[in-house]
Amino acid sequence: EGINNKIKVLKRTAYGYRNYSHFRDRILLMTRLYVPQTNKKDQATTYAA
């Protein structure tokens, strides 16, 4: 129920997404079903600088 409501709200507010993959990615990020992978080596160098 909660996830369906979040998707419906996003669908109304994000009317202008250019393609479906961006819309799908936004749904996955919003529902926390997808967490982007980060390169830990790059993070260590950016924090050290």
Protein backbone atom coordinates (compact mmCIF):
# COMPACT_ATOMS: atom_id res chain seq x y z
CA GLU A 1 0.00 0.00 0.00
CA GLY A 2 2.66 2.52 0.99
CA ILE A 3 4.91 1.85 -1.98
CA ASN A 4 1.98 2.02 -4.40
CA ASN A 5 0.99 5.41 -2.98
CA LYS A 6 4.55 6.72 -3.30
CA ILE A 7 4.67 5.61 -6.94
CA LYS A 8 1.33 7.30 -7.67
CA VAL A 9 2.50 10.56 -6.05
CA LEU A 10 5.77 10.44 -8.00
CA LYS A 11 3.84 9.76 -11.19
CA ARG A 12 1.77 12.91 -10.66
CA THR A 13 4.69 15.14 -9.69
CA ALA A 14 7.16 13.81 -12.27
CA TYR A 15 5.03 14.27 -15.34
CA GLY A 16 7.94 15.45 -17.51
CA TYR A 17 10.47 12.63 -17.27
CA ARG A 18 12.04 12.15 -20.68
CA ASN A 19 12.16 8.38 -20.66
CA TYR A 20 10.89 5.43 -18.69
CA SER A 21 14.30 4.35 -17.35
CA HIS A 22 14.74 7.65 -15.47
CA PHE A 23 11.25 7.28 -14.03
CA ARG A 24 11.97 3.68 -13.00
CA ASP A 25 15.28 4.67 -11.41
CA ARG A 26 13.54 7.41 -9.44
CA ILE A 27 10.95 4.92 -8.15
CA LEU A 28 13.66 2.50 -7.08
CA LEU A 29 15.63 5.22 -5.31
CA MET A 30 12.55 6.60 -3.59
CA THR A 31 11.44 3.21 -2.29
CA ARG A 32 15.04 2.29 -1.40
CA LEU A 33 14.90 -0.90 -3.44
CA TYR A 34 18.01 0.21 -5.30
CA VAL A 35 21.13 1.71 -3.78
CA PRO A 36 23.72 3.00 -6.24
CA GLN A 37 27.14 1.47 -5.87
CA THR A 38 29.97 3.79 -4.97
CA ASN A 39 33.63 3.32 -5.62
CA LYS A 40 35.21 3.29 -2.16
CA LYS A 41 38.68 3.99 -3.57
CA ASP A 42 37.46 7.25 -5.13
CA GLN A 43 35.68 8.28 -1.92
CA ALA A 44 38.84 7.81 0.14
CA THR A 45 40.80 10.13 -2.14
CA THR A 46 38.09 12.81 -2.21
CA TYR A 47 37.77 12.89 1.58
CA ALA A 48 41.54 13.09 2.02
CA ALA A 49 41.86 16.14 -0.21
